[in-house]
């Protein structure tokens, strides 16, 4: 594909390198909320997404109400991956629509969601999560996906449809079906992803070029690997770098075996090290709010 059409609309050239520095899992635990606040106030990140069904979502919403300039989306949550700490759906239909496991919580894996979830039950649940976020004082700038759980053809259909109904950009990557297939997705899903990207761009709704991250399982040389990932952004691309920052707390350690990597994400971005690297590489940071503002009038809610 050619240069991302959002670049010129954002005031960049077709050869500029642009990144959204995005924090996931906000509200999953207390440590994620305070980490987001520290990074936002330091100008080290450009956007984040909240997990509405989680226990600390209200604290995330409190922060957003107190800081209305915050660029916060909805982290579409259909999975609950940890053993000692589980969360479940907002809707009763989820319990008959294949969205819960034997513990009446969300499934632990995205594969289980794809195999068992009814698309309309997924749409109802995600609609409830958006509605709850708005009622709590968050005006979502976007919707993305926790653990990629909507990245299955029939589920992605309703995910994009719901984003359109709310006038917010959905997580969408400018990849061909062949490129998607290398990620292990089935042919139907690959075709669905490619079709939606074409339709979104034709409607003037911004999409992304690549998703970048350093896996949470990778603790060795995490800062250098993060710099390498950021440096891989190509001219003409709007890329999406994901981090999972949290403060080091007993709660975090009790929930996540990968807590060290989450704390490292906070420390290396809060230190200014990554901002300096972006400056050195001449990579521009933007948020999802600026992408949402590109949606043509009449399409945005």
C-alpha atoms as a PDB file:
ATOM      1  CA  UNK A   1       0.000   0.000   0.000  1.00  0.00           C
ATOM      2  CA  UNK A   2       1.053   3.593  -0.554  1.00  0.00           C
ATOM      3  CA  UNK A   3       1.532   6.289   2.076  1.00  0.00           C
ATOM      4  CA  UNK A   4      -1.167   6.501   4.717  1.00  0.00           C
ATOM      5  CA  UNK A   5      -3.751   9.056   3.510  1.00  0.00           C
ATOM      6  CA  UNK A   6      -4.105  10.340   7.075  1.00  0.00           C
ATOM      7  CA  UNK A   7      -0.612  11.843   6.956  1.00  0.00           C
ATOM      8  CA  UNK A   8      -1.414  14.835   4.777  1.00  0.00           C
ATOM      9  CA  UNK A   9      -4.674  15.418   6.623  1.00  0.00           C
ATOM     10  CA  UNK A  10      -2.643  15.615   9.824  1.00  0.00           C
ATOM     11  CA  UNK A  11      -0.279  18.134   8.256  1.00  0.00           C
ATOM     12  CA  UNK A  12       2.590  15.753   7.550  1.00  0.00           C
ATOM     13  CA  UNK A  13       4.221  14.741   4.290  1.00  0.00           C
ATOM     14  CA  UNK A  14       3.969  11.349   2.615  1.00  0.00           C
ATOM     15  CA  UNK A  15       7.481  10.542   3.803  1.00  0.00           C
ATOM     16  CA  UNK A  16       7.055  11.422   7.471  1.00  0.00           C
ATOM     17  CA  UNK A  17       7.129   8.764  10.186  1.00  0.00           C
ATOM     18  CA  UNK A  18       4.302   8.991  12.711  1.00  0.00           C
ATOM     19  CA  UNK A  19       3.462   6.941  15.795  1.00  0.00           C
ATOM     20  CA  UNK A  20       0.684   6.670  18.347  1.00  0.00           C
ATOM     21  CA  UNK A  21       2.247   5.756  21.692  1.00  0.00           C
ATOM     22  CA  UNK A  22      -0.664   3.878  23.202  1.00  0.00           C
ATOM     23  CA  UNK A  23      -1.114   2.522  26.722  1.00  0.00           C
ATOM     24  CA  UNK A  24      -3.262  -0.584  27.072  1.00  0.00           C
ATOM     25  CA  UNK A  25      -5.103  -2.127  30.025  1.00  0.00           C
ATOM     26  CA  UNK A  26      -5.984   1.109  31.838  1.00  0.00           C
ATOM     27  CA  UNK A  27      -8.198   0.227  34.809  1.00  0.00           C
ATOM     28  CA  UNK A  28      -7.176  -3.427  34.877  1.00  0.00           C
ATOM     29  CA  UNK A  29      -5.604  -2.654  38.257  1.00  0.00           C
ATOM     30  CA  UNK A  30      -4.832   0.401  40.364  1.00  0.00           C
ATOM     31  CA  UNK A  31      -1.201   0.485  39.237  1.00  0.00           C
ATOM     32  CA  UNK A  32      -2.237   0.907  35.608  1.00  0.00           C
ATOM     33  CA  UNK A  33      -4.294   4.020  36.376  1.00  0.00           C
ATOM     34  CA  UNK A  34      -1.590   5.871  38.290  1.00  0.00           C
ATOM     35  CA  UNK A  35       0.999   4.905  35.663  1.00  0.00           C
ATOM     36  CA  UNK A  36      -1.185   6.313  32.903  1.00  0.00           C
ATOM     37  CA  UNK A  37      -1.660   9.544  34.855  1.00  0.00           C
ATOM     38  CA  UNK A  38       2.071   9.981  35.382  1.00  0.00           C
ATOM     39  CA  UNK A  39       2.893   9.295  31.731  1.00  0.00           C
ATOM     40  CA  UNK A  40       0.115  11.530  30.425  1.00  0.00           C
ATOM     41  CA  UNK A  41       1.183  14.440  32.588  1.00  0.00           C
ATOM     42  CA  UNK A  42       4.799  13.953  31.500  1.00  0.00           C
ATOM     43  CA  UNK A  43       3.778  14.032  27.812  1.00  0.00           C
ATOM     44  CA  UNK A  44       5.418  10.637  27.296  1.00  0.00           C
ATOM     45  CA  UNK A  45       2.399   8.959  25.682  1.00  0.00           C
ATOM     46  CA  UNK A  46      -0.288  10.100  23.267  1.00  0.00           C
ATOM     47  CA  UNK A  47      -3.327   7.945  24.073  1.00  0.00           C
ATOM     48  CA  UNK A  48      -4.642   4.966  25.988  1.00  0.00           C
ATOM     49  CA  UNK A  49      -7.639   2.680  26.306  1.00  0.00           C
ATOM     50  CA  UNK A  50      -9.628   1.674  29.370  1.00  0.00           C
ATOM     51  CA  UNK A  51     -10.899  -1.781  30.281  1.00  0.00           C
ATOM     52  CA  UNK A  52     -14.464  -0.915  31.248  1.00  0.00           C
ATOM     53  CA  UNK A  53     -15.446  -4.211  32.965  1.00  0.00           C
ATOM     54  CA  UNK A  54     -12.422  -4.172  35.290  1.00  0.00           C
ATOM     55  CA  UNK A  55     -12.350  -3.266  38.963  1.00  0.00           C
ATOM     56  CA  UNK A  56     -10.336  -0.051  38.659  1.00  0.00           C
ATOM     57  CA  UNK A  57     -12.207   1.404  35.682  1.00  0.00           C
ATOM     58  CA  UNK A  58     -13.950   3.951  37.927  1.00  0.00           C
ATOM     59  CA  UNK A  59     -10.575   5.383  38.945  1.00  0.00           C
ATOM     60  CA  UNK A  60      -9.630   5.712  35.287  1.00  0.00           C
ATOM     61  CA  UNK A  61     -12.918   7.497  34.604  1.00  0.00           C
ATOM     62  CA  UNK A  62     -12.340   9.811  37.578  1.00  0.00           C
ATOM     63  CA  UNK A  63      -9.004  10.827  36.102  1.00  0.00           C
ATOM     64  CA  UNK A  64     -10.515  11.453  32.678  1.00  0.00           C
ATOM     65  CA  UNK A  65     -13.276  13.627  34.112  1.00  0.00           C
ATOM     66  CA  UNK A  66     -10.683  15.663  35.992  1.00  0.00           C
ATOM     67  CA  UNK A  67      -8.534  15.937  32.858  1.00  0.00           C
ATOM     68  CA  UNK A  68     -10.936  16.240  29.889  1.00  0.00           C
ATOM     69  CA  UNK A  69      -8.034  16.650  27.468  1.00  0.00           C
ATOM     70  CA  UNK A  70      -7.057  13.005  28.035  1.00  0.00           C
ATOM     71  CA  UNK A  71      -7.047  10.880  24.871  1.00  0.00           C
ATOM     72  CA  UNK A  72      -8.831   7.743  26.089  1.00  0.00           C
ATOM     73  CA  UNK A  73     -10.512   5.001  24.116  1.00  0.00           C
ATOM     74  CA  UNK A  74     -12.380   1.817  25.002  1.00  0.00           C
ATOM     75  CA  UNK A  75     -10.227  -1.305  25.186  1.00  0.00           C
ATOM     76  CA  UNK A  76     -12.853  -3.760  23.909  1.00  0.00           C
ATOM     77  CA  UNK A  77     -12.685  -6.454  26.571  1.00  0.00           C
ATOM     78  CA  UNK A  78     -13.871  -9.992  25.864  1.00  0.00           C
ATOM     79  CA  UNK A  79     -11.156 -11.970  27.656  1.00  0.00           C
ATOM     80  CA  UNK A  80     -10.041 -12.350  31.266  1.00  0.00           C
ATOM     81  CA  UNK A  81      -6.632 -13.987  31.154  1.00  0.00           C
ATOM     82  CA  UNK A  82      -5.369 -14.141  34.734  1.00  0.00           C
ATOM     83  CA  UNK A  83      -6.097 -16.973  37.185  1.00  0.00           C
ATOM     84  CA  UNK A  84      -6.357 -15.197  40.556  1.00  0.00           C
ATOM     85  CA  UNK A  85      -8.105 -12.098  39.243  1.00  0.00           C
ATOM     86  CA  UNK A  86     -11.045 -12.450  36.852  1.00  0.00           C
ATOM     87  CA  UNK A  87     -13.628 -10.098  35.377  1.00  0.00           C
ATOM     88  CA  UNK A  88     -16.827 -10.683  33.468  1.00  0.00           C
ATOM     89  CA  UNK A  89     -19.322  -9.041  31.131  1.00  0.00           C
ATOM     90  CA  UNK A  90     -21.654  -6.107  31.681  1.00  0.00           C
ATOM     91  CA  UNK A  91     -24.550  -7.698  29.781  1.00  0.00           C
ATOM     92  CA  UNK A  92     -26.765 -10.630  30.725  1.00  0.00           C
ATOM     93  CA  UNK A  93     -26.873 -11.727  27.061  1.00  0.00           C
ATOM     94  CA  UNK A  94     -23.184 -12.537  27.312  1.00  0.00           C
ATOM     95  CA  UNK A  95     -24.033 -15.515  29.516  1.00  0.00           C
ATOM     96  CA  UNK A  96     -26.162 -17.145  26.820  1.00  0.00           C
ATOM     97  CA  UNK A  97     -24.135 -15.786  23.898  1.00  0.00           C
ATOM     98  CA  UNK A  98     -20.969 -17.796  24.470  1.00  0.00           C
ATOM     99  CA  UNK A  99     -18.924 -15.006  26.082  1.00  0.00           C
ATOM    100  CA  UNK A 100     -18.287 -16.645  29.463  1.00  0.00           C
ATOM    101  CA  UNK A 101     -16.554 -19.737  30.808  1.00  0.00           C
ATOM    102  CA  UNK A 102     -17.397 -22.122  33.665  1.00  0.00           C
ATOM    103  CA  UNK A 103     -16.522 -19.399  36.201  1.00  0.00           C
ATOM    104  CA  UNK A 104     -19.055 -17.019  34.580  1.00  0.00           C
ATOM    105  CA  UNK A 105     -16.148 -14.775  33.578  1.00  0.00           C
ATOM    106  CA  UNK A 106     -14.820 -13.908  30.140  1.00  0.00           C
ATOM    107  CA  UNK A 107     -12.838 -16.656  28.424  1.00  0.00           C
ATOM    108  CA  UNK A 108      -9.105 -16.724  29.104  1.00  0.00           C
ATOM    109  CA  UNK A 109      -8.102 -16.845  25.425  1.00  0.00           C
ATOM    110  CA  UNK A 110      -9.099 -15.103  22.214  1.00  0.00           C
ATOM    111  CA  UNK A 111      -9.309 -18.503  20.525  1.00  0.00           C
ATOM    112  CA  UNK A 112     -12.118 -19.490  22.902  1.00  0.00           C
ATOM    113  CA  UNK A 113     -13.940 -16.243  22.109  1.00  0.00           C
ATOM    114  CA  UNK A 114     -13.677 -16.901  18.372  1.00  0.00           C
ATOM    115  CA  UNK A 115     -14.938 -20.453  18.791  1.00  0.00           C
ATOM    116  CA  UNK A 116     -17.858 -19.765  21.129  1.00  0.00           C
ATOM    117  CA  UNK A 117     -19.008 -16.140  21.018  1.00  0.00           C
ATOM    118  CA  UNK A 118     -22.127 -15.109  19.150  1.00  0.00           C
ATOM    119  CA  UNK A 119     -21.362 -11.958  17.124  1.00  0.00           C
ATOM    120  CA  UNK A 120     -24.532 -10.184  18.204  1.00  0.00           C
ATOM    121  CA  UNK A 121     -23.796 -10.924  21.858  1.00  0.00           C
ATOM    122  CA  UNK A 122     -20.328  -9.460  21.281  1.00  0.00           C
ATOM    123  CA  UNK A 123     -21.808  -6.339  19.742  1.00  0.00           C
ATOM    124  CA  UNK A 124     -24.254  -5.930  22.644  1.00  0.00           C
ATOM    125  CA  UNK A 125     -21.470  -6.333  25.195  1.00  0.00           C
ATOM    126  CA  UNK A 126     -19.135  -3.876  23.487  1.00  0.00           C
ATOM    127  CA  UNK A 127     -21.997  -1.400  23.030  1.00  0.00           C
ATOM    128  CA  UNK A 128     -22.591  -1.628  26.778  1.00  0.00           C
ATOM    129  CA  UNK A 129     -18.901  -1.019  27.463  1.00  0.00           C
ATOM    130  CA  UNK A 130     -18.937   2.123  25.301  1.00  0.00           C
ATOM    131  CA  UNK A 131     -22.170   3.312  26.926  1.00  0.00           C
ATOM    132  CA  UNK A 132     -20.759   2.724  30.405  1.00  0.00           C
ATOM    133  CA  UNK A 133     -17.591   4.639  29.527  1.00  0.00           C
ATOM    134  CA  UNK A 134     -19.637   7.577  28.275  1.00  0.00           C
ATOM    135  CA  UNK A 135     -21.884   7.526  31.339  1.00  0.00           C
ATOM    136  CA  UNK A 136     -18.761   7.655  33.499  1.00  0.00           C
ATOM    137  CA  UNK A 137     -17.610  10.804  31.746  1.00  0.00           C
ATOM    138  CA  UNK A 138     -15.266   9.414  29.083  1.00  0.00           C
ATOM    139  CA  UNK A 139     -15.888  10.479  25.492  1.00  0.00           C
ATOM    140  CA  UNK A 140     -14.014   7.681  23.688  1.00  0.00           C
ATOM    141  CA  UNK A 141     -11.561   8.736  21.006  1.00  0.00           C
ATOM    142  CA  UNK A 142     -11.364   5.208  19.568  1.00  0.00           C
ATOM    143  CA  UNK A 143     -11.995   1.542  20.224  1.00  0.00           C
ATOM    144  CA  UNK A 144      -9.316  -1.128  20.114  1.00  0.00           C
ATOM    145  CA  UNK A 145      -9.117  -4.723  21.277  1.00  0.00           C
ATOM    146  CA  UNK A 146      -7.800  -6.505  24.363  1.00  0.00           C
ATOM    147  CA  UNK A 147      -5.718  -9.535  23.354  1.00  0.00           C
ATOM    148  CA  UNK A 148      -6.964  -9.193  19.782  1.00  0.00           C
ATOM    149  CA  UNK A 149     -10.206 -10.907  20.782  1.00  0.00           C
ATOM    150  CA  UNK A 150     -12.284  -9.248  18.026  1.00  0.00           C
ATOM    151  CA  UNK A 151      -9.819 -10.259  15.311  1.00  0.00           C
ATOM    152  CA  UNK A 152     -12.021 -13.004  13.918  1.00  0.00           C
ATOM    153  CA  UNK A 153     -14.105 -12.390  10.806  1.00  0.00           C
ATOM    154  CA  UNK A 154     -17.679 -12.371  12.196  1.00  0.00           C
ATOM    155  CA  UNK A 155     -16.616 -10.570  15.375  1.00  0.00           C
ATOM    156  CA  UNK A 156     -14.601  -7.975  13.502  1.00  0.00           C
ATOM    157  CA  UNK A 157     -17.658  -7.215  11.382  1.00  0.00           C
ATOM    158  CA  UNK A 158     -19.686  -6.141  14.428  1.00  0.00           C
ATOM    159  CA  UNK A 159     -16.677  -4.382  15.985  1.00  0.00           C
ATOM    160  CA  UNK A 160     -16.283  -2.100  12.957  1.00  0.00           C
ATOM    161  CA  UNK A 161     -20.041  -1.639  12.678  1.00  0.00           C
ATOM    162  CA  UNK A 162     -20.224  -0.526  16.319  1.00  0.00           C
ATOM    163  CA  UNK A 163     -17.341   1.930  15.896  1.00  0.00           C
ATOM    164  CA  UNK A 164     -19.192   3.463  12.943  1.00  0.00           C
ATOM    165  CA  UNK A 165     -22.357   3.846  14.971  1.00  0.00           C
ATOM    166  CA  UNK A 166     -20.402   5.828  17.565  1.00  0.00           C
ATOM    167  CA  UNK A 167     -18.324   7.839  15.109  1.00  0.00           C
ATOM    168  CA  UNK A 168     -14.984   6.634  16.455  1.00  0.00           C
ATOM    169  CA  UNK A 169     -12.098   5.009  14.592  1.00  0.00           C
ATOM    170  CA  UNK A 170     -11.788   1.263  15.151  1.00  0.00           C
ATOM    171  CA  UNK A 171      -8.496  -0.567  15.380  1.00  0.00           C
ATOM    172  CA  UNK A 172      -7.728  -1.346  11.741  1.00  0.00           C
ATOM    173  CA  UNK A 173      -4.438  -2.126  10.027  1.00  0.00           C
ATOM    174  CA  UNK A 174      -3.555  -1.438   6.385  1.00  0.00           C
ATOM    175  CA  UNK A 175      -2.472  -4.991   5.635  1.00  0.00           C
ATOM    176  CA  UNK A 176      -3.326  -7.202   2.709  1.00  0.00           C
ATOM    177  CA  UNK A 177      -5.043 -10.556   3.195  1.00  0.00           C
ATOM    178  CA  UNK A 178      -1.705 -12.260   2.474  1.00  0.00           C
ATOM    179  CA  UNK A 179      -0.001 -10.220   5.177  1.00  0.00           C
ATOM    180  CA  UNK A 180      -2.743 -11.053   7.669  1.00  0.00           C
ATOM    181  CA  UNK A 181      -2.465 -14.758   6.843  1.00  0.00           C
ATOM    182  CA  UNK A 182       1.140 -14.753   8.066  1.00  0.00           C
ATOM    183  CA  UNK A 183      -0.245 -13.977  11.511  1.00  0.00           C
ATOM    184  CA  UNK A 184      -2.119 -17.277  11.510  1.00  0.00           C
ATOM    185  CA  UNK A 185      -5.595 -15.916  10.735  1.00  0.00           C
ATOM    186  CA  UNK A 186      -8.003 -17.988   8.660  1.00  0.00           C
ATOM    187  CA  UNK A 187      -8.804 -17.002   5.086  1.00  0.00           C
ATOM    188  CA  UNK A 188     -12.274 -15.668   5.927  1.00  0.00           C
ATOM    189  CA  UNK A 189     -10.919 -13.392   8.631  1.00  0.00           C
ATOM    190  CA  UNK A 190      -8.060 -12.164   6.433  1.00  0.00           C
ATOM    191  CA  UNK A 191     -10.506 -11.242   3.696  1.00  0.00           C
ATOM    192  CA  UNK A 192     -12.768  -9.512   6.235  1.00  0.00           C
ATOM    193  CA  UNK A 193      -9.918  -7.408   7.637  1.00  0.00           C
ATOM    194  CA  UNK A 194      -8.791  -6.333   4.170  1.00  0.00           C
ATOM    195  CA  UNK A 195     -12.329  -5.494   3.056  1.00  0.00           C
ATOM    196  CA  UNK A 196     -12.998  -3.322   6.079  1.00  0.00           C
ATOM    197  CA  UNK A 197      -9.761  -1.381   5.713  1.00  0.00           C
ATOM    198  CA  UNK A 198     -10.669  -0.568   2.130  1.00  0.00           C
ATOM    199  CA  UNK A 199     -14.159   0.524   3.149  1.00  0.00           C
ATOM    200  CA  UNK A 200     -12.882   2.624   6.054  1.00  0.00           C
ATOM    201  CA  UNK A 201     -10.327   4.445   3.939  1.00  0.00           C
ATOM    202  CA  UNK A 202     -12.887   5.036   1.181  1.00  0.00           C
ATOM    203  CA  UNK A 203     -15.135   6.659   3.810  1.00  0.00           C
ATOM    204  CA  UNK A 204     -12.281   8.833   5.085  1.00  0.00           C
ATOM    205  CA  UNK A 205     -11.944   6.999   8.390  1.00  0.00           C
ATOM    206  CA  UNK A 206      -8.284   6.773   9.425  1.00  0.00           C
ATOM    207  CA  UNK A 207      -6.512   3.450   9.735  1.00  0.00           C
ATOM    208  CA  UNK A 208      -3.062   2.396  10.928  1.00  0.00           C
ATOM    209  CA  UNK A 209      -0.141   0.833   9.113  1.00  0.00           C
ATOM    210  CA  UNK A 210       1.551  -1.383  11.678  1.00  0.00           C
ATOM    211  CA  UNK A 211       1.162  -2.471  15.281  1.00  0.00           C
ATOM    212  CA  UNK A 212       4.459  -2.476  17.198  1.00  0.00           C
ATOM    213  CA  UNK A 213       5.346  -3.693  20.672  1.00  0.00           C
ATOM    214  CA  UNK A 214       7.871  -5.594  22.725  1.00  0.00           C
ATOM    215  CA  UNK A 215       6.177  -8.712  24.152  1.00  0.00           C
ATOM    216  CA  UNK A 216       5.591  -8.597  27.889  1.00  0.00           C
ATOM    217  CA  UNK A 217       7.414 -11.906  28.155  1.00  0.00           C
ATOM    218  CA  UNK A 218      10.582 -10.181  26.934  1.00  0.00           C
ATOM    219  CA  UNK A 219      12.347  -8.512  29.866  1.00  0.00           C
ATOM    220  CA  UNK A 220      15.964  -8.666  28.683  1.00  0.00           C
ATOM    221  CA  UNK A 221      17.235  -5.410  27.107  1.00  0.00           C
ATOM    222  CA  UNK A 222      13.654  -4.154  26.993  1.00  0.00           C
ATOM    223  CA  UNK A 223      14.611  -0.509  26.475  1.00  0.00           C
ATOM    224  CA  UNK A 224      16.884  -1.263  23.527  1.00  0.00           C
ATOM    225  CA  UNK A 225      14.281  -3.529  21.957  1.00  0.00           C
ATOM    226  CA  UNK A 226      11.699  -0.780  22.369  1.00  0.00           C
ATOM    227  CA  UNK A 227      13.976   1.682  20.601  1.00  0.00           C
ATOM    228  CA  UNK A 228      14.549  -0.814  17.808  1.00  0.00           C
ATOM    229  CA  UNK A 229      10.790  -1.305  17.389  1.00  0.00           C
ATOM    230  CA  UNK A 230      10.211   2.448  17.216  1.00  0.00           C
ATOM    231  CA  UNK A 231      13.072   2.884  14.741  1.00  0.00           C
ATOM    232  CA  UNK A 232      11.422   0.325  12.445  1.00  0.00           C
ATOM    233  CA  UNK A 233       8.587   2.753  11.621  1.00  0.00           C
ATOM    234  CA  UNK A 234       8.676   3.349   7.889  1.00  0.00           C
ATOM    235  CA  UNK A 235       8.282   6.645   6.033  1.00  0.00           C
ATOM    236  CA  UNK A 236       4.664   7.139   5.033  1.00  0.00           C
ATOM    237  CA  UNK A 237       3.378   5.075   7.951  1.00  0.00           C
ATOM    238  CA  UNK A 238       1.169   5.865  10.923  1.00  0.00           C
ATOM    239  CA  UNK A 239       2.182   3.147  13.367  1.00  0.00           C
ATOM    240  CA  UNK A 240       0.716   2.042  16.676  1.00  0.00           C
ATOM    241  CA  UNK A 241       3.149   1.291  19.483  1.00  0.00           C
ATOM    242  CA  UNK A 242       1.611  -0.459  22.480  1.00  0.00           C
ATOM    243  CA  UNK A 243       2.950  -0.485  26.017  1.00  0.00           C
ATOM    244  CA  UNK A 244       1.458  -1.766  29.277  1.00  0.00           C
ATOM    245  CA  UNK A 245       2.824   0.534  32.005  1.00  0.00           C
ATOM    246  CA  UNK A 246       2.130   0.012  35.687  1.00  0.00           C
ATOM    247  CA  UNK A 247       3.592   1.011  39.014  1.00  0.00           C
ATOM    248  CA  UNK A 248       5.224  -1.710  41.063  1.00  0.00           C
ATOM    249  CA  UNK A 249       2.607  -2.653  43.669  1.00  0.00           C
ATOM    250  CA  UNK A 250       1.702  -5.820  45.594  1.00  0.00           C
ATOM    251  CA  UNK A 251      -1.564  -5.952  43.657  1.00  0.00           C
ATOM    252  CA  UNK A 252       0.241  -5.889  40.299  1.00  0.00           C
ATOM    253  CA  UNK A 253       2.662  -8.597  41.418  1.00  0.00           C
ATOM    254  CA  UNK A 254      -0.245 -10.707  42.606  1.00  0.00           C
ATOM    255  CA  UNK A 255      -2.060 -10.440  39.287  1.00  0.00           C
ATOM    256  CA  UNK A 256       0.552 -10.522  36.539  1.00  0.00           C
ATOM    257  CA  UNK A 257       3.510 -12.886  36.142  1.00  0.00           C
ATOM    258  CA  UNK A 258       4.817 -10.308  33.643  1.00  0.00           C
ATOM    259  CA  UNK A 259       4.709  -7.449  36.179  1.00  0.00           C
ATOM    260  CA  UNK A 260       8.416  -6.647  35.725  1.00  0.00           C
ATOM    261  CA  UNK A 261       7.946  -5.780  32.038  1.00  0.00           C
ATOM    262  CA  UNK A 262       4.972  -3.567  32.882  1.00  0.00           C
ATOM    263  CA  UNK A 263       7.032  -1.660  35.429  1.00  0.00           C
ATOM    264  CA  UNK A 264       9.875  -1.361  32.895  1.00  0.00           C
ATOM    265  CA  UNK A 265       7.437   0.123  30.368  1.00  0.00           C
ATOM    266  CA  UNK A 266       6.530   2.818  32.870  1.00  0.00           C
ATOM    267  CA  UNK A 267      10.089   3.583  33.876  1.00  0.00           C
ATOM    268  CA  UNK A 268      11.627   3.826  30.405  1.00  0.00           C
ATOM    269  CA  UNK A 269       8.877   6.086  29.028  1.00  0.00           C
ATOM    270  CA  UNK A 270       8.616   8.209  32.164  1.00  0.00           C
ATOM    271  CA  UNK A 271      12.382   8.817  32.175  1.00  0.00           C
ATOM    272  CA  UNK A 272      12.190  10.650  28.848  1.00  0.00           C
ATOM    273  CA  UNK A 273      14.506   8.111  27.220  1.00  0.00           C
ATOM    274  CA  UNK A 274      11.959   7.122  24.586  1.00  0.00           C
ATOM    275  CA  UNK A 275      10.919  10.708  23.883  1.00  0.00           C
ATOM    276  CA  UNK A 276      14.555  11.499  23.189  1.00  0.00           C
ATOM    277  CA  UNK A 277      14.796   8.503  20.902  1.00  0.00           C
ATOM    278  CA  UNK A 278      11.719   9.589  18.934  1.00  0.00           C
ATOM    279  CA  UNK A 279      13.197  13.069  18.570  1.00  0.00           C
ATOM    280  CA  UNK A 280      16.525  11.674  17.409  1.00  0.00           C
ATOM    281  CA  UNK A 281      14.765   9.486  14.841  1.00  0.00           C
ATOM    282  CA  UNK A 282      12.531  12.364  13.702  1.00  0.00           C
ATOM    283  CA  UNK A 283       9.412  10.338  14.455  1.00  0.00           C
ATOM    284  CA  UNK A 284       6.296  12.387  15.204  1.00  0.00           C
ATOM    285  CA  UNK A 285       3.906  11.374  17.990  1.00  0.00           C
ATOM    286  CA  UNK A 286       0.157  11.875  17.570  1.00  0.00           C
ATOM    287  CA  UNK A 287      -2.884  10.710  19.493  1.00  0.00           C
ATOM    288  CA  UNK A 288      -6.128   9.022  18.528  1.00  0.00           C
ATOM    289  CA  UNK A 289      -8.066  12.232  19.139  1.00  0.00           C
ATOM    290  CA  UNK A 290      -6.377  13.790  16.111  1.00  0.00           C
ATOM    291  CA  UNK A 291      -7.338  10.751  14.032  1.00  0.00           C
ATOM    292  CA  UNK A 292     -10.925  10.871  15.230  1.00  0.00           C
ATOM    293  CA  UNK A 293     -11.098  14.509  14.124  1.00  0.00           C
ATOM    294  CA  UNK A 294     -10.312  13.400  10.563  1.00  0.00           C
ATOM    295  CA  UNK A 295     -13.583  11.478  10.283  1.00  0.00           C
ATOM    296  CA  UNK A 296     -15.766  13.356   7.787  1.00  0.00           C
ATOM    297  CA  UNK A 297     -18.592  15.431   9.214  1.00  0.00           C
ATOM    298  CA  UNK A 298     -21.771  13.438   9.199  1.00  0.00           C
ATOM    299  CA  UNK A 299     -20.006  10.174   9.996  1.00  0.00           C
ATOM    300  CA  UNK A 300     -18.777  11.188  13.437  1.00  0.00           C
ATOM    301  CA  UNK A 301     -21.337  10.826  16.214  1.00  0.00           C
END
